[in-house]
Amino acid sequence: MCGTFCVGALCRARITSDMRKWESALLTAILILVLAIASAFALPRQSDSICRAQPVATISFVLFHNRVYLPVEVNGHQTFEMVLDTGAAMSGLSEAAASAVHLRAARKAELVGNGESRLKIALANDVTFRLGGAELPEKSVAIVPYADLEEHEGRRIGGVLGVSLFRRYVVLIDYPTRTLSLYEPRDFIYSGPGDRVPLRLSPAALFSAVIELPDHDSIPCNLAVDLGTYSALRLYRPFLEKHHLVDQPGMDSFGFGLGGEFPERVGRVRALRIGSLSLKGPSTSFSTARGGATSGSSYDGTIGGEVLRRFKVILDYVHQEMILEPGSDFSEPWAADTSGLLLRAGGADLKTIAVLHVLTNTPAAAAGIQEGDIILSVDHRETLDLSLEGIRRLFTGPGHHHLLVRRGRQVLDVDITTIAPLDYNSP
């Protein structure tokens, strides 16, 4: 019996061992199947929370001065950096880009931008833009002299992509990852946590908002989404006159856009409310212009890149809505250059930084900087390496800065102390 028992025990041990291996393999297979099913039916992760459909194209972009710059192929030839602009009723190409792809002007026209001057432009026919795998044929595009805007911006502009892109595709701008995705409207179903904001298309993308001022009740306003504008909140002159807001506390300054400069007063409001979202103390441009778009009354103002970059933004013109998902930058302090310097980039490479304006009662005026001065370095860093945008960032917020400037044949050391952003209008 002992032998039989021992043989039986060994057999049972082998059987038990085999069963355990089989059970382990079965449990592993079941676990993999459960995880696969759970993955298929679970709520989407944040990165996948937008739409289950595949985008037609996903393109990396550069964010420069709060504007989205995209690589766009034109007529199957060259690729140019173009600005994404919901405020452009028509897409456009620079004169240099149009010449490079052999576009011919079919007729002449005038363009009204944010600047106070009207621009003479040409129109060309039958242009196709390509963004990754997405095509955008245009019957007409503008050929625009961007040279003045480039010097204010500090970057070459190949053109702008206007409202036709938004009418054709659902456009998702993921500012945190610097990617833009285009979806077919019929496939796009949003399933994320963002706020849905109804749009009215005219052709500007308009929405209802509320501004709060320190000494006023809440004021409803009709704003446009303007991706081509670098500012946060800009309120137009007719709206300011209607509500007696022309003399808001702030700093007299100049904005710029197509058509050149325009006068404005830079301050802030207590809050901007968009749907259930409340943006506290955004920097605000109060236009005092007598010409250009900011003197118009078709709507009350715009939100631009300084607001939009704080979100993942979805623009769905077909369903007439904008969706805003706050990002990690949502509560970031509002940027404001408080130096009192308005600069211009010149030269073939836009590396020569000249002082265009010195605003009164500002740190730049107190430091004795003059119009026409050439800035050679800031804080011992050459402007050749900084770029115009880099200098703007250095002057955002309080700080002490050492400048080397050329004035005629002289090279001068200048110290400037910037103040806290919008300290003159704390709510």
Protein backbone atom coordinates (compact mmCIF):
# COMPACT_ATOMS: atom_id res chain seq x y z
CA MET A 1 0.00 0.00 0.00
CA CYS A 2 2.80 2.26 0.81
CA GLY A 3 4.21 1.91 -2.68
CA THR A 4 0.76 2.25 -4.23
CA PHE A 5 0.02 5.19 -2.02
CA CYS A 6 3.31 6.83 -2.84
CA VAL A 7 2.80 6.31 -6.57
CA GLY A 8 -0.75 7.64 -6.24
CA ALA A 9 0.45 10.67 -4.31
CA LEU A 10 3.06 11.39 -6.96
CA CYS A 11 0.42 11.08 -9.68
CA ARG A 12 -1.93 13.31 -7.75
CA ALA A 13 0.89 15.80 -7.19
CA ARG A 14 1.63 15.85 -10.90
CA ILE A 15 -2.06 16.25 -11.75
CA THR A 16 -2.44 19.02 -9.14
CA SER A 17 0.62 20.80 -10.50
CA ASP A 18 -0.69 20.57 -14.07
CA MET A 19 -4.14 21.79 -12.99
CA ARG A 20 -2.61 24.76 -11.21
CA LYS A 21 -0.62 25.68 -14.31
CA TRP A 22 -3.75 25.35 -16.44
CA GLU A 23 -5.81 27.42 -13.97
CA SER A 24 -3.09 30.07 -13.89
CA ALA A 25 -3.02 30.25 -17.67
CA LEU A 26 -6.84 30.40 -17.78
CA LEU A 27 -6.96 33.18 -15.18
CA THR A 28 -4.32 35.11 -17.12
CA ALA A 29 -6.32 34.77 -20.33
CA ILE A 30 -9.52 35.86 -18.58
CA LEU A 31 -7.73 38.85 -17.05
CA ILE A 32 -6.39 39.94 -20.43
CA LEU A 33 -9.87 39.60 -21.94
CA VAL A 34 -11.46 41.62 -19.11
CA LEU A 35 -8.86 44.36 -19.45
CA ALA A 36 -9.40 44.50 -23.21
CA ILE A 37 -13.17 44.80 -22.77
CA ALA A 38 -12.73 47.41 -20.04
CA SER A 39 -10.36 49.37 -22.25
CA ALA A 40 -12.86 49.31 -25.09
CA PHE A 41 -15.82 50.48 -23.03
CA ALA A 42 -14.24 52.58 -20.29
CA LEU A 43 -14.66 56.35 -20.16
CA PRO A 44 -11.99 57.95 -22.34
CA ARG A 45 -8.81 59.23 -20.76
CA GLN A 46 -8.13 62.96 -20.77
CA SER A 47 -5.86 62.63 -23.79
CA ASP A 48 -8.57 60.65 -25.63
CA SER A 49 -11.53 62.54 -24.22
CA ILE A 50 -12.24 64.55 -27.34
CA CYS A 51 -13.48 62.26 -30.09
CA ARG A 52 -13.28 58.57 -30.95
CA ALA A 53 -13.01 59.33 -34.67
CA GLN A 54 -9.56 59.61 -36.20
CA PRO A 55 -8.55 63.13 -37.25
CA VAL A 56 -8.03 63.83 -40.91
CA ALA A 57 -4.75 65.50 -39.97
CA THR A 58 -2.73 66.32 -36.87
CA ILE A 59 -0.06 69.00 -37.23
CA SER A 60 2.48 70.38 -34.79
CA PHE A 61 2.51 74.16 -34.52
CA VAL A 62 4.67 76.93 -33.13
CA LEU A 63 3.11 79.34 -30.64
CA PHE A 64 4.74 82.73 -31.14
CA HIS A 65 3.39 85.91 -29.54
CA ASN A 66 0.23 83.93 -28.73
CA ARG A 67 -0.39 83.19 -32.43
CA VAL A 68 -0.53 79.70 -33.94
CA TYR A 69 1.97 79.25 -36.80
CA LEU A 70 1.40 76.17 -38.97
CA PRO A 71 3.40 74.61 -41.83
CA VAL A 72 1.11 74.75 -44.88
CA GLU A 73 1.84 73.50 -48.38
CA VAL A 74 0.56 75.76 -51.17
CA ASN A 75 -0.52 74.38 -54.57
CA GLY A 76 1.64 71.30 -54.11
CA HIS A 77 4.81 73.39 -54.24
CA GLN A 78 6.41 75.03 -51.22
CA THR A 79 5.55 74.99 -47.53
CA PHE A 80 5.13 78.26 -45.65
CA GLU A 81 4.49 79.18 -42.01
CA MET A 82 0.95 80.53 -41.88
CA VAL A 83 -1.03 82.02 -39.00
CA LEU A 84 -4.32 80.46 -37.96
CA ASP A 85 -6.85 83.29 -37.90
CA THR A 86 -10.58 83.06 -37.20
CA GLY A 87 -10.70 86.82 -37.71
CA ALA A 88 -9.69 86.58 -41.38
CA ALA A 89 -12.71 86.48 -43.69
CA MET A 90 -10.39 85.22 -46.45
CA SER A 91 -7.15 83.24 -46.35
CA GLY A 92 -4.10 85.09 -47.59
CA LEU A 93 -0.49 84.72 -48.70
CA SER A 94 2.41 87.09 -48.35
CA GLU A 95 3.67 88.74 -51.51
CA ALA A 96 6.86 86.66 -51.26
CA ALA A 97 4.94 83.38 -50.88
CA ALA A 98 2.59 84.25 -53.76
CA SER A 99 5.56 85.01 -56.00
CA ALA A 100 7.29 81.75 -55.00
CA VAL A 101 4.30 79.66 -56.14
CA HIS A 102 3.71 81.83 -59.23
CA LEU A 103 0.30 83.22 -58.26
CA ARG A 104 -1.09 85.92 -60.51
CA ALA A 105 -3.22 88.76 -59.25
CA ALA A 106 -6.71 88.62 -60.76
CA ARG A 107 -8.02 91.88 -59.28
CA LYS A 108 -7.39 94.52 -56.61
CA ALA A 109 -9.15 95.12 -53.29
CA GLU A 110 -8.85 96.89 -49.94
CA LEU A 111 -8.42 95.22 -46.56
CA VAL A 112 -9.44 96.56 -43.16
CA GLY A 113 -7.43 95.13 -40.27
CA ASN A 114 -6.93 96.14 -36.66
CA GLY A 115 -4.65 99.00 -37.72
CA GLU A 116 -6.10 102.38 -38.58
CA SER A 117 -4.88 102.34 -42.21
CA ARG A 118 -6.51 100.47 -45.08
CA LEU A 119 -4.31 98.06 -47.02
CA LYS A 120 -4.19 97.74 -50.80
CA ILE A 121 -4.17 94.03 -51.64
CA ALA A 122 -4.49 91.76 -54.66
CA LEU A 123 -6.72 88.70 -55.05
CA ALA A 124 -5.69 85.45 -56.76
CA ASN A 125 -7.84 82.52 -57.84
CA ASP A 126 -7.79 78.75 -57.31
CA VAL A 127 -5.33 78.03 -54.51
CA THR A 128 -5.12 74.75 -52.59
CA PHE A 129 -3.67 74.57 -49.11
CA ARG A 130 -2.56 71.28 -47.59
CA LEU A 131 -2.13 70.65 -43.87
CA GLY A 132 -0.84 67.14 -43.35
CA GLY A 133 -3.49 64.90 -44.92
CA ALA A 134 -6.13 67.64 -45.14
CA GLU A 135 -6.78 69.74 -48.24
CA LEU A 136 -8.42 73.14 -48.36
CA PRO A 137 -9.19 74.42 -51.86
CA GLU A 138 -9.90 78.17 -52.04
CA LYS A 139 -11.54 79.94 -54.95
CA SER A 140 -9.94 83.24 -53.96
CA VAL A 141 -7.11 84.25 -51.64
CA ALA A 142 -5.63 87.60 -50.73
CA ILE A 143 -2.06 88.56 -51.57
CA VAL A 144 -1.09 90.77 -48.64
CA PRO A 145 1.93 93.01 -47.91
CA TYR A 146 2.86 91.69 -44.46
CA ALA A 147 6.20 93.52 -44.14
CA ASP A 148 5.01 96.10 -41.58
CA LEU A 149 3.21 93.47 -39.50
CA GLU A 150 6.30 91.21 -39.60
CA GLU A 151 8.45 94.00 -38.15
CA HIS A 152 5.99 94.53 -35.30
CA GLU A 153 5.64 90.78 -34.78
CA GLY A 154 9.32 89.91 -35.09
CA ARG A 155 8.69 86.91 -37.35
CA ARG A 156 8.16 86.22 -41.04
CA ILE A 157 4.55 85.47 -42.01
CA GLY A 158 3.86 83.26 -45.02
CA GLY A 159 0.14 83.95 -44.86
CA VAL A 160 -3.02 83.33 -42.86
CA LEU A 161 -5.58 80.54 -42.87
CA GLY A 162 -8.99 82.13 -42.42
CA VAL A 163 -12.58 81.12 -41.78
CA SER A 164 -12.84 78.65 -44.67
CA LEU A 165 -10.75 76.13 -42.71
CA PHE A 166 -13.20 76.30 -39.79
CA ARG A 167 -16.22 75.97 -42.06
CA ARG A 168 -14.73 72.84 -43.61
CA TYR A 169 -13.36 71.01 -40.53
CA VAL A 170 -13.84 70.78 -36.79
CA VAL A 171 -10.60 72.33 -35.53
CA LEU A 172 -9.05 71.20 -32.25
CA ILE A 173 -6.20 73.39 -31.00
CA ASP A 174 -4.32 71.62 -28.22
CA TYR A 175 -2.22 74.45 -26.82
CA PRO A 176 -0.55 72.33 -24.09
CA THR A 177 0.86 69.86 -26.66
CA ARG A 178 1.20 72.42 -29.50
CA THR A 179 -0.78 70.26 -31.91
CA LEU A 180 -3.74 71.03 -34.16
CA SER A 181 -6.16 68.31 -35.28
CA LEU A 182 -8.75 68.50 -38.04
CA TYR A 183 -11.89 66.31 -37.98
CA GLU A 184 -14.69 65.65 -40.40
CA PRO A 185 -17.75 67.35 -38.84
CA ARG A 186 -19.96 64.29 -39.43
CA ASP A 187 -17.57 62.11 -37.38
CA PHE A 188 -16.90 64.44 -34.50
CA ILE A 189 -18.70 63.64 -31.23
CA TYR A 190 -17.32 65.39 -28.19
CA SER A 191 -17.17 63.48 -24.90
CA GLY A 192 -14.87 65.59 -22.74
CA PRO A 193 -15.33 67.84 -19.70
CA GLY A 194 -15.09 71.18 -21.50
CA ASP A 195 -17.55 74.06 -21.45
CA ARG A 196 -19.72 74.37 -24.57
CA VAL A 197 -20.11 77.94 -25.76
CA PRO A 198 -22.74 78.63 -28.49
CA LEU A 199 -21.42 80.53 -31.50
CA ARG A 200 -23.12 82.84 -33.97
CA LEU A 201 -21.34 83.03 -37.32
CA SER A 202 -21.42 86.33 -39.18
CA PRO A 203 -18.72 85.37 -40.56
CA ALA A 204 -16.87 86.16 -37.32
CA ALA A 205 -17.40 83.57 -34.59
CA LEU A 206 -19.42 85.52 -32.01
CA PHE A 207 -20.45 84.51 -28.51
CA SER A 208 -22.06 86.10 -25.47
CA ALA A 209 -19.92 87.03 -22.48
CA VAL A 210 -20.03 89.23 -19.40
CA ILE A 211 -17.35 91.62 -18.15
CA GLU A 212 -17.08 92.83 -14.57
CA LEU A 213 -15.46 96.16 -13.73
CA PRO A 214 -14.45 97.37 -10.26
CA ASP A 215 -16.91 100.28 -10.22
CA HIS A 216 -19.68 98.98 -12.48
CA ASP A 217 -22.31 96.32 -12.57
CA SER A 218 -21.74 93.34 -14.80
CA ILE A 219 -21.97 94.31 -18.47
CA PRO A 220 -23.02 91.78 -21.14
CA CYS A 221 -21.06 91.92 -24.35
CA ASN A 222 -20.89 90.32 -27.77
CA LEU A 223 -17.34 89.13 -28.46
CA ALA A 224 -15.58 87.45 -31.38
CA VAL A 225 -13.08 84.61 -31.20
CA ASP A 226 -9.93 85.96 -32.85
CA LEU A 227 -7.04 83.51 -33.06
CA GLY A 228 -5.06 86.05 -35.06
CA THR A 229 -4.96 88.52 -32.16
CA TYR A 230 -2.18 88.24 -29.57
CA SER A 231 -4.02 90.06 -26.76
CA ALA A 232 -6.31 88.66 -24.06
CA LEU A 233 -9.49 90.79 -24.06
CA ARG A 234 -9.87 93.73 -26.43
CA LEU A 235 -12.90 96.02 -26.18
CA TYR A 236 -13.83 98.24 -29.12
CA ARG A 237 -14.36 101.98 -28.95
CA PRO A 238 -18.15 102.11 -29.64
CA PHE A 239 -18.80 99.64 -26.81
CA LEU A 240 -16.60 101.69 -24.45
CA GLU A 241 -18.37 104.93 -25.39
CA LYS A 242 -21.80 103.36 -24.96
CA HIS A 243 -20.95 102.23 -21.42
CA HIS A 244 -18.80 105.28 -20.51
CA LEU A 245 -15.65 103.19 -20.20
CA VAL A 246 -13.29 105.18 -22.44
CA ASP A 247 -11.21 106.57 -19.56
CA GLN A 248 -10.50 103.30 -17.78
CA PRO A 249 -7.41 103.31 -15.52
CA GLY A 250 -4.37 101.98 -17.31
CA MET A 251 -1.47 102.88 -19.55
CA ASP A 252 -1.75 104.64 -22.90
CA SER A 253 -0.24 102.38 -25.53
CA PHE A 254 -0.49 101.15 -29.11
CA GLY A 255 -1.69 97.85 -30.51
CA PHE A 256 -0.76 96.63 -33.95
CA GLY A 257 -2.14 94.47 -36.72
CA LEU A 258 -2.73 94.57 -40.44
CA GLY A 259 -3.06 98.23 -41.32
CA GLY A 260 -0.44 99.31 -38.78
CA GLU A 261 -0.81 100.65 -35.27
CA PHE A 262 -3.86 101.83 -33.36
CA PRO A 263 -4.09 103.67 -30.03
CA GLU A 264 -5.42 101.90 -26.97
CA ARG A 265 -5.37 102.01 -23.20
CA VAL A 266 -4.04 98.89 -21.49
CA GLY A 267 -5.61 97.94 -18.17
CA ARG A 268 -7.73 95.09 -16.97
CA VAL A 269 -11.24 94.18 -15.94
CA ARG A 270 -12.20 92.46 -12.71
CA ALA A 271 -13.37 89.34 -14.54
CA LEU A 272 -14.46 87.96 -17.89
CA ARG A 273 -17.23 85.36 -17.78
CA ILE A 274 -17.70 82.93 -20.67
CA GLY A 275 -20.47 80.45 -19.90
CA SER A 276 -19.63 78.89 -16.53
CA LEU A 277 -15.96 79.92 -16.81
CA SER A 278 -14.70 82.98 -14.98
CA LEU A 279 -11.33 84.46 -15.86
CA LYS A 280 -10.14 86.72 -13.07
CA GLY A 281 -8.46 90.03 -13.90
CA PRO A 282 -7.54 89.49 -17.56
CA SER A 283 -5.34 92.12 -19.18
CA THR A 284 -7.59 94.27 -21.36
CA SER A 285 -7.02 96.58 -24.31
CA PHE A 286 -9.48 99.49 -24.38
CA SER A 287 -9.39 100.78 -27.98
CA THR A 288 -9.33 104.51 -28.57
CA ALA A 289 -8.92 104.10 -32.36
CA ARG A 290 -10.87 106.19 -34.87
CA GLY A 291 -10.26 103.79 -37.75
CA GLY A 292 -9.72 100.10 -38.36
CA ALA A 293 -11.56 97.09 -36.97
CA THR A 294 -11.31 98.16 -33.32
CA SER A 295 -13.36 101.28 -34.06
CA GLY A 296 -16.23 99.18 -35.45
CA SER A 297 -19.60 98.39 -33.91
CA SER A 298 -20.45 95.02 -35.51
CA TYR A 299 -19.49 93.43 -32.18
CA ASP A 300 -18.04 94.66 -28.90
CA GLY A 301 -14.54 93.22 -28.95
CA THR A 302 -12.48 90.05 -29.13
CA ILE A 303 -10.74 87.40 -27.12
CA GLY A 304 -7.32 86.52 -28.50
CA GLY A 305 -4.38 84.23 -27.96
CA GLU A 306 -3.58 85.30 -24.40
CA VAL A 307 -6.98 83.90 -23.33
CA LEU A 308 -7.21 80.98 -25.75
CA ARG A 309 -3.76 79.54 -25.00
CA ARG A 310 -5.03 78.63 -21.51
CA PHE A 311 -7.40 76.05 -22.99
CA LYS A 312 -7.73 73.13 -25.28
CA VAL A 313 -9.97 74.84 -27.84
CA ILE A 314 -12.42 73.14 -30.20
CA LEU A 315 -14.11 75.23 -32.89
CA ASP A 316 -17.05 73.46 -34.48
CA TYR A 317 -18.65 75.88 -36.95
CA VAL A 318 -20.98 73.24 -38.39
CA HIS A 319 -22.64 72.77 -35.00
CA GLN A 320 -22.01 76.42 -34.09
CA GLU A 321 -20.15 75.92 -30.85
CA MET A 322 -16.79 76.46 -29.21
CA ILE A 323 -15.62 74.04 -26.53
CA LEU A 324 -13.09 75.16 -23.92
CA GLU A 325 -11.17 72.72 -21.73
CA PRO A 326 -9.06 74.59 -19.16
CA GLY A 327 -5.41 73.57 -19.27
CA SER A 328 -2.60 73.78 -16.76
CA ASP A 329 -2.06 77.45 -17.75
CA PHE A 330 -5.64 78.44 -16.93
CA SER A 331 -4.74 80.25 -13.67
CA GLU A 332 -1.38 81.56 -14.85
CA PRO A 333 -0.88 85.29 -14.17
CA TRP A 334 -1.86 87.55 -17.06
CA ALA A 335 1.15 88.66 -19.07
CA ALA A 336 1.81 92.35 -19.60
CA ASP A 337 4.89 94.16 -20.81
CA THR A 338 5.13 97.07 -18.38
CA SER A 339 8.38 98.55 -19.70
CA GLY A 340 6.65 101.24 -21.76
CA LEU A 341 8.69 100.26 -24.82
CA LEU A 342 7.16 99.50 -28.19
CA LEU A 343 9.80 97.80 -30.29
CA ARG A 344 10.25 96.97 -33.94
CA ALA A 345 12.38 94.26 -35.56
CA GLY A 346 14.29 95.27 -38.68
CA GLY A 347 16.88 93.95 -41.09
CA ALA A 348 16.68 90.99 -43.43
CA ASP A 349 16.62 88.57 -40.48
CA LEU A 350 14.45 90.78 -38.20
CA LYS A 351 17.25 90.78 -35.62
CA THR A 352 17.80 94.55 -35.36
CA ILE A 353 15.58 95.72 -32.48
CA ALA A 354 14.71 99.41 -32.56
CA VAL A 355 12.62 101.52 -30.19
CA LEU A 356 9.50 102.64 -32.01
CA HIS A 357 7.69 104.38 -29.13
CA VAL A 358 8.47 105.27 -25.52
CA LEU A 359 5.23 105.59 -23.61
CA THR A 360 4.87 108.46 -21.14
CA ASN A 361 5.00 107.85 -17.38
CA THR A 362 6.55 104.40 -17.77
CA PRO A 363 9.81 102.78 -16.66
CA ALA A 364 11.30 103.26 -20.15
CA ALA A 365 10.59 107.00 -20.07
CA ALA A 366 12.07 107.28 -16.57
CA ALA A 367 15.20 105.45 -17.76
CA GLY A 368 15.74 107.98 -20.56
CA ILE A 369 15.31 105.59 -23.47
CA GLN A 370 14.49 107.41 -26.71
CA GLU A 371 12.67 106.59 -29.92
CA GLY A 372 15.12 105.37 -32.53
CA ASP A 373 17.49 103.77 -30.01
CA ILE A 374 18.81 100.37 -31.10
CA ILE A 375 18.82 97.75 -28.35
CA LEU A 376 22.01 95.71 -28.50
CA SER A 377 21.59 93.55 -25.41
CA VAL A 378 19.31 92.95 -22.42
CA ASP A 379 20.76 91.59 -19.18
CA HIS A 380 24.02 90.86 -21.03
CA ARG A 381 22.25 88.73 -23.65
CA GLU A 382 22.58 89.96 -27.22
CA THR A 383 19.34 90.77 -29.02
CA LEU A 384 20.59 88.65 -31.94
CA ASP A 385 19.97 85.66 -29.69
CA LEU A 386 16.89 86.94 -27.84
CA SER A 387 14.57 87.98 -30.70
CA LEU A 388 11.77 90.51 -30.29
CA GLU A 389 9.51 87.99 -28.59
CA GLY A 390 12.25 87.05 -26.11
CA ILE A 391 12.67 90.70 -25.12
CA ARG A 392 8.91 91.07 -24.65
CA ARG A 393 8.93 88.11 -22.27
CA LEU A 394 11.81 89.55 -20.25
CA PHE A 395 9.84 92.77 -19.70
CA THR A 396 6.76 90.93 -18.45
CA GLY A 397 6.42 91.42 -14.72
CA PRO A 398 8.53 93.29 -12.17
CA GLY A 399 12.30 93.23 -12.48
CA HIS A 400 15.51 95.19 -12.93
CA HIS A 401 17.10 95.03 -16.39
CA HIS A 402 20.36 96.30 -17.83
CA LEU A 403 20.24 97.42 -21.46
CA LEU A 404 22.99 98.28 -23.89
CA VAL A 405 21.64 100.67 -26.53
CA ARG A 406 23.09 102.43 -29.53
CA ARG A 407 22.04 106.04 -30.07
CA GLY A 408 23.65 107.45 -33.18
CA ARG A 409 27.38 106.81 -32.68
CA GLN A 410 27.07 106.37 -28.92
CA VAL A 411 26.66 103.11 -27.04
CA LEU A 412 24.92 103.66 -23.70
CA ASP A 413 24.30 101.61 -20.57
CA VAL A 414 20.69 101.96 -19.43
CA ASP A 415 18.97 100.48 -16.39
CA ILE A 416 15.20 99.96 -16.39
CA THR A 417 12.97 98.68 -13.59
CA THR A 418 9.66 97.21 -14.71
CA ILE A 419 6.63 97.10 -12.43
CA ALA A 420 4.14 94.37 -11.58
CA PRO A 421 1.75 93.68 -14.46
CA LEU A 422 -1.14 96.15 -14.42
CA ASP A 423 -0.27 97.31 -10.94
CA TYR A 424 -1.85 100.64 -11.82
CA ASN A 425 -5.29 99.01 -12.02
CA SER A 426 -5.49 96.36 -9.33
CA PRO A 427 -9.09 95.20 -8.89
